[in-house]
Amino acid sequence: MEKITLETESYLVDGKENERFFPFLELEFNENVIYENDVPKYYLSFSDDLNSVYGIGNWIMSDLEQKGHKLREVIIELGNKLDLKWDIFSSNVGKQIDGSWKTEKIELIILTDKTIEKIKTHYNNV
């Protein structure tokens, strides 16, 4: 699986013990992070004109059109089909703990049709 490393900042959230929140504020308008169980895991990149997705067939654009271009709904539904808890937003939000910002490098799997097939194969063999 192809991977990408992003440099981002994280911070601690009040009341969440030592869990760090990764807001990925530096992403471009056509880039998204997919969280699996609130952990950043996949990277999704649309073309600059937002008419296609790197490594993913036209089916995702059709799904987006059917859902009124609501990417979050498409990703949650795709995760559900794979029996995974996916979202483009983390639920680890809240009051930031002062002085807890930290620069980190996060390695993400680039989400492609091949990646989705590997996920399906892995979970079908478990």
Protein backbone atom coordinates (compact mmCIF):
# COMPACT_ATOMS: atom_id res chain seq x y z
CA MET A 1 0.00 0.00 0.00
CA GLU A 2 1.24 3.41 -0.95
CA LYS A 3 1.80 5.82 1.94
CA ILE A 4 2.31 9.52 2.48
CA THR A 5 3.87 11.28 5.47
CA LEU A 6 2.32 14.55 6.56
CA GLU A 7 3.78 16.99 9.03
CA THR A 8 1.07 18.39 11.25
CA GLU A 9 0.48 19.72 14.72
CA SER A 10 -1.41 17.96 17.46
CA TYR A 11 -2.63 18.94 20.87
CA LEU A 12 -4.06 17.37 24.00
CA VAL A 13 -7.76 17.74 24.74
CA ASP A 14 -9.00 18.49 28.25
CA GLY A 15 -10.67 15.42 29.80
CA LYS A 16 -9.34 12.94 27.22
CA GLU A 17 -6.27 11.80 29.23
CA ASN A 18 -3.25 11.52 26.89
CA GLU A 19 -5.13 11.35 23.58
CA ARG A 20 -3.83 13.78 20.98
CA PHE A 21 -6.07 15.53 18.45
CA PHE A 22 -4.74 15.96 14.91
CA PRO A 23 -6.65 18.76 13.13
CA PHE A 24 -4.52 18.69 9.91
CA LEU A 25 -4.98 22.44 9.42
CA GLU A 26 -2.35 22.53 6.66
CA LEU A 27 -4.32 20.40 4.18
CA GLU A 28 -5.33 21.88 0.84
CA PHE A 29 -9.00 22.17 -0.22
CA ASN A 30 -8.73 18.94 -2.24
CA GLU A 31 -7.09 16.81 0.48
CA ASN A 32 -8.78 14.86 3.26
CA VAL A 33 -7.75 12.59 6.09
CA ILE A 34 -9.95 9.62 6.95
CA TYR A 35 -10.01 8.65 10.61
CA GLU A 36 -10.56 5.02 11.56
CA ASN A 37 -11.79 4.70 15.14
CA ASP A 38 -10.70 8.34 15.66
CA VAL A 39 -7.13 7.61 14.53
CA PRO A 40 -5.86 9.30 11.34
CA LYS A 41 -5.26 6.41 8.93
CA TYR A 42 -6.00 7.21 5.28
CA TYR A 43 -5.27 10.07 2.89
CA LEU A 44 -7.73 10.97 0.12
CA SER A 45 -6.73 13.36 -2.65
CA PHE A 46 -9.11 14.90 -5.18
CA SER A 47 -7.93 16.48 -8.44
CA ASP A 48 -7.53 20.27 -8.42
CA ASP A 49 -10.83 20.64 -10.29
CA LEU A 50 -12.55 18.28 -7.81
CA ASN A 51 -13.78 16.09 -10.70
CA SER A 52 -11.87 12.93 -9.76
CA VAL A 53 -10.06 11.25 -6.89
CA TYR A 54 -6.48 10.02 -7.14
CA GLY A 55 -6.45 6.22 -7.46
CA ILE A 56 -10.21 5.77 -7.11
CA GLY A 57 -12.63 5.04 -9.92
CA ASN A 58 -15.52 7.24 -10.99
CA TRP A 59 -17.85 5.40 -8.59
CA ILE A 60 -16.88 7.74 -5.76
CA MET A 61 -17.80 10.82 -7.81
CA SER A 62 -21.18 9.20 -8.61
CA ASP A 63 -21.73 8.48 -4.90
CA LEU A 64 -20.84 12.08 -4.05
CA GLU A 65 -23.29 13.41 -6.62
CA GLN A 66 -26.07 11.14 -5.30
CA LYS A 67 -25.39 12.33 -1.73
CA GLY A 68 -25.37 16.03 -2.62
CA HIS A 69 -21.56 16.22 -2.55
CA LYS A 70 -21.45 15.38 1.15
CA LEU A 71 -18.07 13.67 1.42
CA ARG A 72 -18.55 12.82 5.08
CA GLU A 73 -21.68 10.75 4.34
CA VAL A 74 -19.92 8.88 1.51
CA ILE A 75 -16.89 8.05 3.69
CA ILE A 76 -18.97 6.95 6.70
CA GLU A 77 -21.11 4.75 4.43
CA LEU A 78 -18.04 3.24 2.74
CA GLY A 79 -16.53 2.50 6.16
CA ASN A 80 -19.79 0.87 7.28
CA LYS A 81 -19.78 -1.36 4.18
CA LEU A 82 -16.29 -2.49 5.21
CA ASP A 83 -17.37 -2.92 8.87
CA LEU A 84 -15.07 -0.06 9.86
CA LYS A 85 -15.74 3.18 11.73
CA TRP A 86 -14.60 5.84 9.28
CA ASP A 87 -15.10 9.59 9.32
CA ILE A 88 -13.40 12.67 7.91
CA PHE A 89 -13.71 14.34 11.31
CA SER A 90 -12.33 13.15 14.62
CA SER A 91 -14.57 13.11 17.67
CA ASN A 92 -11.54 13.89 19.85
CA VAL A 93 -12.35 17.57 19.96
CA GLY A 94 -12.73 19.79 22.95
CA LYS A 95 -10.91 22.40 24.95
CA GLN A 96 -7.25 22.39 24.05
CA ILE A 97 -4.79 22.09 26.93
CA ASP A 98 -2.53 25.16 26.91
CA GLY A 99 1.04 24.47 25.87
CA SER A 100 0.26 21.01 24.49
CA TRP A 101 0.77 21.78 20.77
CA LYS A 102 3.41 19.56 19.24
CA THR A 103 4.68 19.08 15.66
CA GLU A 104 4.38 15.49 14.49
CA LYS A 105 4.88 13.41 11.37
CA ILE A 106 1.96 11.12 10.60
CA GLU A 107 2.16 8.33 8.04
CA LEU A 108 -1.13 7.73 6.22
CA ILE A 109 -2.16 5.08 3.70
CA ILE A 110 -3.25 6.61 0.40
CA LEU A 111 -6.82 5.46 -0.16
CA THR A 112 -7.22 3.91 -3.62
CA ASP A 113 -9.41 1.23 -5.16
CA LYS A 114 -6.54 -1.24 -4.55
CA THR A 115 -6.40 -0.28 -0.88
CA ILE A 116 -10.15 -0.80 -0.53
CA GLU A 117 -9.87 -4.24 -2.18
CA LYS A 118 -7.04 -5.19 0.22
CA ILE A 119 -9.19 -4.10 3.17
CA LYS A 120 -12.11 -6.21 1.88
CA THR A 121 -9.81 -9.22 1.36
CA HIS A 122 -8.23 -8.85 4.80
CA TYR A 123 -11.54 -8.72 6.64
CA ASN A 124 -13.05 -11.55 4.58
CA ASN A 125 -10.12 -13.79 5.58
CA VAL A 126 -10.23 -13.00 9.32
